[in-house]
N, C-alpha and C. Protein backbone atom coordinates (compact mmCIF):
# COMPACT_ATOMS: atom_id res chain seq x y z
N UNK A 1 0.85 -1.17 0.00
CA UNK A 1 0.00 0.00 0.00
C UNK A 1 0.90 1.22 0.00
N UNK A 2 0.73 2.04 -0.98
CA UNK A 2 1.59 3.21 -1.13
C UNK A 2 0.88 4.49 -0.72
N UNK A 3 0.47 4.57 0.50
CA UNK A 3 -0.16 5.77 1.02
C UNK A 3 0.85 6.54 1.86
N UNK A 4 0.77 7.86 1.83
CA UNK A 4 1.69 8.64 2.66
C UNK A 4 1.37 8.44 4.13
N UNK A 5 2.37 8.52 4.95
CA UNK A 5 2.17 8.46 6.39
C UNK A 5 1.84 9.86 6.87
N UNK A 6 1.07 10.06 7.88
CA UNK A 6 0.36 9.02 8.60
C UNK A 6 -0.86 8.53 7.81
N UNK A 7 -1.26 7.30 8.11
CA UNK A 7 -2.45 6.74 7.49
C UNK A 7 -3.68 7.30 8.19
N UNK A 8 -4.70 7.63 7.42
CA UNK A 8 -5.95 8.15 7.96
C UNK A 8 -6.99 7.03 7.94
N UNK A 9 -7.60 6.79 9.10
CA UNK A 9 -8.54 5.69 9.27
C UNK A 9 -9.86 6.24 9.78
N UNK A 10 -10.96 5.85 9.12
CA UNK A 10 -12.29 6.28 9.52
C UNK A 10 -13.09 5.08 10.00
N UNK A 11 -13.61 5.16 11.22
CA UNK A 11 -14.46 4.13 11.79
C UNK A 11 -15.91 4.61 11.70
N UNK A 12 -16.78 3.78 11.13
CA UNK A 12 -18.16 4.16 10.92
C UNK A 12 -19.13 3.30 11.72
N UNK A 13 -20.14 3.96 12.22
CA UNK A 13 -21.25 3.30 12.88
C UNK A 13 -22.47 4.18 12.63
N UNK A 14 -23.63 3.68 12.87
CA UNK A 14 -24.82 4.47 12.61
C UNK A 14 -24.87 5.71 13.50
N UNK A 15 -24.81 5.53 14.83
CA UNK A 15 -24.99 6.63 15.76
C UNK A 15 -23.74 7.40 16.13
N UNK A 16 -22.56 6.82 15.89
CA UNK A 16 -21.29 7.43 16.26
C UNK A 16 -21.30 7.94 17.70
N UNK A 17 -21.71 7.03 18.62
CA UNK A 17 -21.72 7.42 20.03
C UNK A 17 -20.94 6.45 20.91
N UNK A 18 -20.60 5.26 20.40
CA UNK A 18 -19.95 4.27 21.26
C UNK A 18 -18.82 3.56 20.52
N UNK A 19 -19.14 2.51 19.75
CA UNK A 19 -18.11 1.65 19.14
C UNK A 19 -17.11 2.42 18.28
N UNK A 20 -17.60 3.25 17.38
CA UNK A 20 -16.70 3.96 16.48
C UNK A 20 -15.85 4.98 17.24
N UNK A 21 -16.41 5.55 18.29
CA UNK A 21 -15.67 6.51 19.12
C UNK A 21 -14.58 5.78 19.92
N UNK A 22 -14.91 4.60 20.46
CA UNK A 22 -13.91 3.80 21.16
C UNK A 22 -12.76 3.47 20.21
N UNK A 23 -13.10 3.09 18.98
CA UNK A 23 -12.08 2.74 17.99
C UNK A 23 -11.19 3.93 17.65
N UNK A 24 -11.80 5.09 17.49
CA UNK A 24 -11.03 6.31 17.20
C UNK A 24 -9.99 6.56 18.28
N UNK A 25 -10.42 6.51 19.53
CA UNK A 25 -9.51 6.75 20.64
C UNK A 25 -8.40 5.70 20.70
N UNK A 26 -8.79 4.44 20.56
CA UNK A 26 -7.80 3.36 20.62
C UNK A 26 -6.75 3.49 19.51
N UNK A 27 -7.19 3.77 18.30
CA UNK A 27 -6.22 3.89 17.20
C UNK A 27 -5.30 5.08 17.42
N UNK A 28 -5.85 6.19 17.87
CA UNK A 28 -4.99 7.36 18.10
C UNK A 28 -3.98 7.10 19.21
N UNK A 29 -4.34 6.27 20.16
CA UNK A 29 -3.41 5.89 21.24
C UNK A 29 -2.36 4.90 20.74
N UNK A 30 -2.80 3.78 20.20
CA UNK A 30 -1.88 2.72 19.79
C UNK A 30 -1.15 3.02 18.48
N UNK A 31 -1.73 3.87 17.64
CA UNK A 31 -1.11 4.20 16.36
C UNK A 31 0.08 5.11 16.48
N UNK A 32 0.27 5.72 17.62
CA UNK A 32 1.45 6.52 17.96
C UNK A 32 1.84 7.52 16.88
N UNK A 33 0.84 8.19 16.29
CA UNK A 33 1.11 9.22 15.30
C UNK A 33 1.27 8.71 13.89
N UNK A 34 1.48 7.42 13.71
CA UNK A 34 1.59 6.85 12.36
C UNK A 34 0.21 6.64 11.75
N UNK A 35 -0.82 6.68 12.59
CA UNK A 35 -2.20 6.51 12.16
C UNK A 35 -3.04 7.60 12.83
N UNK A 36 -3.95 8.18 12.06
CA UNK A 36 -4.88 9.16 12.60
C UNK A 36 -6.27 8.54 12.50
N UNK A 37 -6.88 8.32 13.65
CA UNK A 37 -8.21 7.73 13.69
C UNK A 37 -9.28 8.81 13.80
N UNK A 38 -10.37 8.59 13.07
CA UNK A 38 -11.55 9.44 13.14
C UNK A 38 -12.76 8.53 13.18
N UNK A 39 -13.89 9.07 13.57
CA UNK A 39 -15.11 8.29 13.57
C UNK A 39 -16.27 9.16 13.12
N UNK A 40 -17.31 8.50 12.61
CA UNK A 40 -18.49 9.22 12.15
C UNK A 40 -19.65 8.24 12.07
N UNK A 41 -20.83 8.81 11.86
CA UNK A 41 -22.02 7.99 11.75
C UNK A 41 -22.92 8.45 10.62
N UNK A 42 -23.73 7.52 10.13
CA UNK A 42 -24.68 7.86 9.08
C UNK A 42 -25.84 8.68 9.66
N UNK A 43 -26.20 8.40 10.90
CA UNK A 43 -27.24 9.14 11.62
C UNK A 43 -26.72 9.40 13.04
N UNK A 44 -25.76 10.33 13.17
CA UNK A 44 -25.12 10.55 14.47
C UNK A 44 -26.12 10.96 15.55
N UNK A 45 -25.87 10.45 16.75
CA UNK A 45 -26.73 10.74 17.90
C UNK A 45 -26.55 12.17 18.40
N UNK A 46 -25.41 12.77 18.09
CA UNK A 46 -25.16 14.14 18.53
C UNK A 46 -24.34 14.24 19.80
N UNK A 47 -24.14 13.11 20.48
CA UNK A 47 -23.29 13.12 21.67
C UNK A 47 -22.67 11.73 21.85
N UNK A 48 -21.51 11.74 22.44
CA UNK A 48 -20.82 10.49 22.75
C UNK A 48 -21.48 9.89 23.99
N UNK A 49 -21.67 8.59 23.99
CA UNK A 49 -22.29 7.92 25.14
C UNK A 49 -21.44 8.18 26.38
N UNK A 50 -22.06 8.55 27.50
CA UNK A 50 -21.28 8.87 28.71
C UNK A 50 -20.44 7.71 29.24
N UNK A 51 -20.90 6.49 29.08
CA UNK A 51 -20.09 5.35 29.55
C UNK A 51 -18.86 5.20 28.67
N UNK A 52 -19.00 5.43 27.37
CA UNK A 52 -17.83 5.35 26.48
C UNK A 52 -16.77 6.35 26.91
N UNK A 53 -17.18 7.58 27.17
CA UNK A 53 -16.22 8.60 27.61
C UNK A 53 -15.60 8.25 28.96
N UNK A 54 -16.44 7.81 29.90
CA UNK A 54 -15.93 7.48 31.23
C UNK A 54 -14.96 6.31 31.17
N UNK A 55 -15.26 5.32 30.34
CA UNK A 55 -14.37 4.16 30.21
C UNK A 55 -13.02 4.58 29.63
N UNK A 56 -13.06 5.35 28.57
CA UNK A 56 -11.80 5.83 27.97
C UNK A 56 -10.99 6.64 28.97
N UNK A 57 -11.64 7.52 29.70
CA UNK A 57 -10.94 8.33 30.70
C UNK A 57 -10.36 7.47 31.81
N UNK A 58 -11.09 6.44 32.22
CA UNK A 58 -10.60 5.58 33.30
C UNK A 58 -9.36 4.80 32.88
N UNK A 59 -9.21 4.59 31.58
CA UNK A 59 -8.05 3.87 31.05
C UNK A 59 -6.97 4.82 30.54
N UNK A 60 -7.17 6.10 30.77
CA UNK A 60 -6.25 7.15 30.33
C UNK A 60 -6.01 7.11 28.82
N UNK A 61 -7.09 6.84 28.08
CA UNK A 61 -7.05 6.88 26.63
C UNK A 61 -7.55 8.25 26.17
N UNK A 62 -7.13 8.69 24.99
CA UNK A 62 -7.48 10.05 24.56
C UNK A 62 -8.98 10.26 24.37
N UNK A 63 -9.46 11.39 24.89
CA UNK A 63 -10.86 11.77 24.72
C UNK A 63 -11.01 13.18 24.15
N UNK A 64 -9.93 13.92 24.07
CA UNK A 64 -9.99 15.30 23.56
C UNK A 64 -10.51 15.29 22.13
N UNK A 65 -11.49 16.11 21.88
CA UNK A 65 -12.03 16.25 20.53
C UNK A 65 -13.04 15.19 20.12
N UNK A 66 -13.29 14.22 20.98
CA UNK A 66 -14.27 13.20 20.61
C UNK A 66 -15.67 13.81 20.58
N UNK A 67 -16.39 13.56 19.49
CA UNK A 67 -17.74 14.04 19.36
C UNK A 67 -18.48 13.17 18.34
N UNK A 68 -19.78 13.15 18.45
CA UNK A 68 -20.61 12.42 17.51
C UNK A 68 -20.82 13.30 16.28
N UNK A 69 -20.43 12.78 15.10
CA UNK A 69 -20.49 13.60 13.89
C UNK A 69 -20.95 12.78 12.68
N UNK A 70 -21.38 13.48 11.67
CA UNK A 70 -21.87 12.85 10.44
C UNK A 70 -20.72 12.44 9.54
N UNK A 71 -20.95 11.34 8.84
CA UNK A 71 -19.93 10.90 7.88
C UNK A 71 -19.79 11.86 6.71
N UNK A 72 -20.74 12.78 6.54
CA UNK A 72 -20.64 13.76 5.46
C UNK A 72 -19.41 14.66 5.61
N UNK A 73 -18.95 14.85 6.84
CA UNK A 73 -17.73 15.65 7.06
C UNK A 73 -16.53 15.04 6.36
N UNK A 74 -16.52 13.73 6.22
CA UNK A 74 -15.37 13.03 5.66
C UNK A 74 -15.53 12.74 4.17
N UNK A 75 -16.72 13.03 3.62
CA UNK A 75 -16.97 12.81 2.20
C UNK A 75 -16.93 14.11 1.41
N UNK A 76 -16.78 15.23 2.11
CA UNK A 76 -16.76 16.53 1.45
C UNK A 76 -15.53 16.64 0.53
N UNK A 77 -15.65 17.42 -0.53
CA UNK A 77 -14.52 17.57 -1.46
C UNK A 77 -13.25 18.09 -0.79
N UNK A 78 -13.38 18.82 0.30
CA UNK A 78 -12.22 19.38 0.98
C UNK A 78 -11.69 18.47 2.10
N UNK A 79 -12.32 17.31 2.27
CA UNK A 79 -11.92 16.40 3.34
C UNK A 79 -10.56 15.78 3.06
N UNK A 80 -9.87 15.40 4.12
CA UNK A 80 -8.57 14.73 3.99
C UNK A 80 -8.73 13.38 3.32
N UNK A 81 -7.69 12.95 2.68
CA UNK A 81 -7.65 11.62 2.07
C UNK A 81 -7.82 10.58 3.18
N UNK A 82 -8.60 9.56 2.91
CA UNK A 82 -8.80 8.47 3.86
C UNK A 82 -8.18 7.21 3.27
N UNK A 83 -7.37 6.52 4.07
CA UNK A 83 -6.70 5.30 3.60
C UNK A 83 -7.49 4.04 3.91
N UNK A 84 -8.21 4.05 5.04
CA UNK A 84 -8.97 2.87 5.48
C UNK A 84 -10.31 3.31 6.04
N UNK A 85 -11.35 2.54 5.74
CA UNK A 85 -12.67 2.75 6.35
C UNK A 85 -13.13 1.41 6.91
N UNK A 86 -13.45 1.41 8.22
CA UNK A 86 -13.94 0.21 8.88
C UNK A 86 -15.34 0.49 9.43
N UNK A 87 -16.31 -0.31 9.02
CA UNK A 87 -17.62 -0.23 9.64
C UNK A 87 -17.58 -1.13 10.86
N UNK A 88 -18.14 -0.65 11.97
CA UNK A 88 -18.09 -1.42 13.21
C UNK A 88 -19.47 -1.82 13.70
N UNK A 89 -20.50 -1.49 12.92
CA UNK A 89 -21.85 -1.97 13.24
C UNK A 89 -22.48 -2.51 11.97
N UNK A 90 -23.33 -3.49 12.13
CA UNK A 90 -23.94 -4.14 10.98
C UNK A 90 -24.83 -3.20 10.18
N UNK A 91 -25.51 -2.28 10.84
CA UNK A 91 -26.36 -1.34 10.11
C UNK A 91 -25.54 -0.48 9.16
N UNK A 92 -24.44 0.07 9.64
CA UNK A 92 -23.60 0.93 8.79
C UNK A 92 -22.99 0.14 7.65
N UNK A 93 -22.68 -1.13 7.89
CA UNK A 93 -22.09 -1.96 6.85
C UNK A 93 -23.06 -2.17 5.69
N UNK A 94 -24.37 -2.16 5.99
CA UNK A 94 -25.36 -2.39 4.96
C UNK A 94 -25.85 -1.13 4.27
N UNK A 95 -25.40 0.04 4.73
CA UNK A 95 -25.85 1.29 4.14
C UNK A 95 -24.99 1.68 2.94
N UNK A 96 -25.58 2.46 2.07
CA UNK A 96 -24.83 2.99 0.94
C UNK A 96 -23.99 4.15 1.47
N UNK A 97 -22.69 3.98 1.42
CA UNK A 97 -21.78 4.99 1.96
C UNK A 97 -21.45 6.04 0.91
N UNK A 98 -21.05 7.21 1.37
CA UNK A 98 -20.57 8.23 0.42
C UNK A 98 -19.30 7.74 -0.27
N UNK A 99 -18.88 8.48 -1.25
CA UNK A 99 -17.60 8.20 -1.90
C UNK A 99 -16.54 8.92 -1.09
N UNK A 100 -15.58 8.15 -0.60
CA UNK A 100 -14.56 8.71 0.28
C UNK A 100 -13.37 9.21 -0.52
N UNK A 101 -12.79 10.33 -0.12
CA UNK A 101 -11.56 10.80 -0.78
C UNK A 101 -10.44 9.77 -0.61
N UNK A 102 -9.73 9.48 -1.67
CA UNK A 102 -8.56 8.62 -1.58
C UNK A 102 -8.81 7.16 -1.89
N UNK A 103 -10.03 6.76 -2.24
CA UNK A 103 -10.35 5.37 -2.54
C UNK A 103 -9.79 4.43 -1.47
N UNK A 104 -10.29 4.55 -0.25
CA UNK A 104 -9.74 3.75 0.86
C UNK A 104 -10.05 2.26 0.74
N UNK A 105 -9.24 1.49 1.41
CA UNK A 105 -9.49 0.07 1.57
C UNK A 105 -10.53 -0.04 2.68
N UNK A 106 -11.53 -0.89 2.48
CA UNK A 106 -12.62 -0.99 3.45
C UNK A 106 -12.77 -2.40 3.99
N UNK A 107 -13.33 -2.50 5.19
CA UNK A 107 -13.64 -3.80 5.79
C UNK A 107 -14.70 -3.60 6.85
N UNK A 108 -15.39 -4.67 7.14
CA UNK A 108 -16.42 -4.64 8.19
C UNK A 108 -15.87 -5.35 9.42
N UNK A 109 -15.88 -4.65 10.55
CA UNK A 109 -15.43 -5.19 11.83
C UNK A 109 -16.57 -5.10 12.84
N UNK A 110 -17.67 -5.77 12.57
CA UNK A 110 -18.85 -5.67 13.41
C UNK A 110 -18.62 -6.09 14.86
N UNK A 111 -19.13 -5.27 15.75
CA UNK A 111 -19.04 -5.51 17.20
C UNK A 111 -20.41 -5.19 17.79
N UNK A 112 -20.92 -6.04 18.69
CA UNK A 112 -22.22 -5.75 19.30
C UNK A 112 -22.25 -4.36 19.95
N UNK A 113 -23.41 -3.72 19.85
CA UNK A 113 -23.57 -2.36 20.35
C UNK A 113 -23.71 -2.33 21.86
N UNK A 114 -22.72 -1.81 22.58
CA UNK A 114 -22.84 -1.76 24.04
C UNK A 114 -23.92 -0.78 24.50
N UNK A 115 -24.20 0.23 23.68
CA UNK A 115 -25.21 1.22 24.06
C UNK A 115 -26.62 0.64 24.02
N UNK A 116 -26.79 -0.51 23.36
CA UNK A 116 -28.10 -1.14 23.28
C UNK A 116 -28.39 -2.05 24.48
N UNK A 117 -27.38 -2.27 25.32
CA UNK A 117 -27.55 -3.15 26.47
C UNK A 117 -28.38 -2.46 27.53
N UNK A 118 -29.44 -3.13 27.93
CA UNK A 118 -30.27 -2.63 29.02
C UNK A 118 -30.00 -3.51 30.23
N UNK A 119 -30.04 -2.93 31.37
CA UNK A 119 -29.77 -3.69 32.59
C UNK A 119 -29.13 -2.80 33.62
N UNK A 120 -28.43 -3.44 34.53
CA UNK A 120 -27.78 -2.71 35.61
C UNK A 120 -26.60 -1.91 35.08
N UNK A 121 -26.14 -0.98 35.90
CA UNK A 121 -24.94 -0.23 35.53
C UNK A 121 -23.78 -1.18 35.27
N UNK A 122 -23.64 -2.20 36.10
CA UNK A 122 -22.55 -3.16 35.95
C UNK A 122 -22.65 -3.89 34.61
N UNK A 123 -23.86 -4.25 34.20
CA UNK A 123 -24.04 -4.93 32.92
C UNK A 123 -23.72 -4.02 31.74
N UNK A 124 -24.12 -2.76 31.86
CA UNK A 124 -23.81 -1.81 30.79
C UNK A 124 -22.30 -1.56 30.69
N UNK A 125 -21.65 -1.37 31.82
CA UNK A 125 -20.20 -1.18 31.82
C UNK A 125 -19.49 -2.41 31.26
N UNK A 126 -19.96 -3.59 31.60
CA UNK A 126 -19.35 -4.82 31.07
C UNK A 126 -19.47 -4.87 29.55
N UNK A 127 -20.60 -4.42 29.02
CA UNK A 127 -20.79 -4.41 27.57
C UNK A 127 -19.81 -3.44 26.90
N UNK A 128 -19.61 -2.28 27.50
CA UNK A 128 -18.65 -1.32 26.95
C UNK A 128 -17.22 -1.84 27.04
N UNK A 129 -16.89 -2.49 28.15
CA UNK A 129 -15.54 -3.07 28.27
C UNK A 129 -15.32 -4.15 27.22
N UNK A 130 -16.33 -4.99 26.98
CA UNK A 130 -16.22 -6.05 25.97
C UNK A 130 -16.04 -5.46 24.58
N UNK A 131 -16.79 -4.42 24.26
CA UNK A 131 -16.66 -3.77 22.96
C UNK A 131 -15.27 -3.15 22.80
N UNK A 132 -14.78 -2.51 23.85
CA UNK A 132 -13.46 -1.90 23.80
C UNK A 132 -12.38 -2.97 23.62
N UNK A 133 -12.50 -4.07 24.34
CA UNK A 133 -11.52 -5.16 24.23
C UNK A 133 -11.50 -5.76 22.83
N UNK A 134 -12.68 -6.00 22.27
CA UNK A 134 -12.77 -6.57 20.92
C UNK A 134 -12.16 -5.60 19.90
N UNK A 135 -12.45 -4.32 20.04
CA UNK A 135 -11.91 -3.33 19.12
C UNK A 135 -10.40 -3.20 19.28
N UNK A 136 -9.94 -3.23 20.51
CA UNK A 136 -8.50 -3.11 20.74
C UNK A 136 -7.74 -4.29 20.12
N UNK A 137 -8.29 -5.48 20.24
CA UNK A 137 -7.67 -6.67 19.63
C UNK A 137 -7.55 -6.49 18.12
N UNK A 138 -8.62 -6.03 17.50
CA UNK A 138 -8.61 -5.84 16.04
C UNK A 138 -7.65 -4.73 15.63
N UNK A 139 -7.64 -3.65 16.37
CA UNK A 139 -6.75 -2.54 16.03
C UNK A 139 -5.29 -2.97 16.16
N UNK A 140 -4.96 -3.72 17.19
CA UNK A 140 -3.58 -4.18 17.34
C UNK A 140 -3.19 -5.13 16.21
N UNK A 141 -4.10 -5.98 15.78
CA UNK A 141 -3.81 -6.85 14.62
C UNK A 141 -3.60 -6.01 13.36
N UNK A 142 -4.42 -5.01 13.19
CA UNK A 142 -4.29 -4.10 12.05
C UNK A 142 -2.94 -3.40 12.07
N UNK A 143 -2.56 -2.88 13.23
CA UNK A 143 -1.29 -2.17 13.35
C UNK A 143 -0.09 -3.09 13.13
N UNK A 144 -0.28 -4.39 13.34
CA UNK A 144 0.80 -5.35 13.13
C UNK A 144 0.97 -5.80 11.68
N UNK A 145 0.08 -5.37 10.80
CA UNK A 145 0.19 -5.78 9.39
C UNK A 145 1.38 -5.10 8.72
N UNK A 146 2.05 -5.82 7.84
CA UNK A 146 3.16 -5.22 7.08
C UNK A 146 2.60 -4.43 5.88
N UNK A 147 2.05 -3.26 6.14
CA UNK A 147 1.33 -2.50 5.12
C UNK A 147 2.16 -2.25 3.86
N UNK A 148 3.44 -2.00 4.03
CA UNK A 148 4.31 -1.71 2.89
C UNK A 148 4.55 -2.88 1.96
N UNK A 149 4.30 -4.10 2.43
CA UNK A 149 4.59 -5.27 1.59
C UNK A 149 3.35 -5.99 1.08
N UNK A 150 2.17 -5.43 1.35
CA UNK A 150 0.93 -6.05 0.89
C UNK A 150 0.33 -5.25 -0.26
N UNK A 151 -0.09 -5.95 -1.32
CA UNK A 151 -0.81 -5.21 -2.36
C UNK A 151 -2.24 -5.00 -1.89
N UNK A 152 -3.02 -4.25 -2.64
CA UNK A 152 -4.37 -3.88 -2.23
C UNK A 152 -5.25 -5.10 -1.97
N UNK A 153 -5.19 -6.10 -2.84
CA UNK A 153 -6.02 -7.30 -2.67
C UNK A 153 -5.62 -8.09 -1.43
N UNK A 154 -4.32 -8.24 -1.20
CA UNK A 154 -3.85 -8.93 -0.01
C UNK A 154 -4.28 -8.19 1.26
N UNK A 155 -4.15 -6.89 1.21
CA UNK A 155 -4.52 -6.07 2.36
C UNK A 155 -6.02 -6.20 2.64
N UNK A 156 -6.82 -6.14 1.58
CA UNK A 156 -8.27 -6.28 1.74
C UNK A 156 -8.62 -7.60 2.41
N UNK A 157 -7.99 -8.66 1.98
CA UNK A 157 -8.23 -9.98 2.57
C UNK A 157 -7.84 -10.02 4.03
N UNK A 158 -6.69 -9.48 4.35
CA UNK A 158 -6.22 -9.48 5.74
C UNK A 158 -7.13 -8.66 6.64
N UNK A 159 -7.61 -7.52 6.13
CA UNK A 159 -8.49 -6.68 6.93
C UNK A 159 -9.85 -7.35 7.17
N UNK A 160 -10.36 -8.02 6.16
CA UNK A 160 -11.62 -8.77 6.35
C UNK A 160 -11.42 -9.91 7.34
N UNK A 161 -10.28 -10.56 7.28
CA UNK A 161 -9.98 -11.64 8.23
C UNK A 161 -9.96 -11.10 9.67
N UNK A 162 -9.40 -9.94 9.86
CA UNK A 162 -9.37 -9.33 11.20
C UNK A 162 -10.81 -9.11 11.68
N UNK A 163 -11.68 -8.68 10.81
CA UNK A 163 -13.07 -8.45 11.17
C UNK A 163 -13.83 -9.70 11.54
N UNK A 164 -13.37 -10.87 11.04
CA UNK A 164 -14.04 -12.13 11.34
C UNK A 164 -13.44 -12.82 12.56
N UNK A 165 -12.28 -12.37 12.99
CA UNK A 165 -11.61 -12.99 14.15
C UNK A 165 -12.30 -12.55 15.43
N UNK A 166 -12.24 -13.41 16.45
CA UNK A 166 -12.83 -13.01 17.73
C UNK A 166 -11.84 -12.32 18.60
């Protein structure tokens, strides 16, 4: 993959309040400047879920600038080039997405929605921790890929495999 560094990665979900925001923070932390993570939604909720923010803060992961936003911000003609787009919810994966600048490599990394969990505070927190753990595992696998030595088709296959791994 011959993209300039840093690589720009967009995580998509319908509401952009939990999973995609967790992924954005995790990538910006683990990517150490070589990757810039962003997140957006097709129908953003307008605010980040409070448990998502509290969990990230409790783990000392970046929260500055996190907000629920529309994917239209990243499809605008003036938007930055995007190298990778990952859908993290099944609804967003099935939607017709805008055309992204840069013809990014895409993959679906579906993770159950922790914001949909009803129950006790402990059960809700457990759902957010599970979503964060699953996303962190996938992001670390992604960061371990030899991007410079994979052609586009090989990379696409590897990224889809990451999305199917537990």
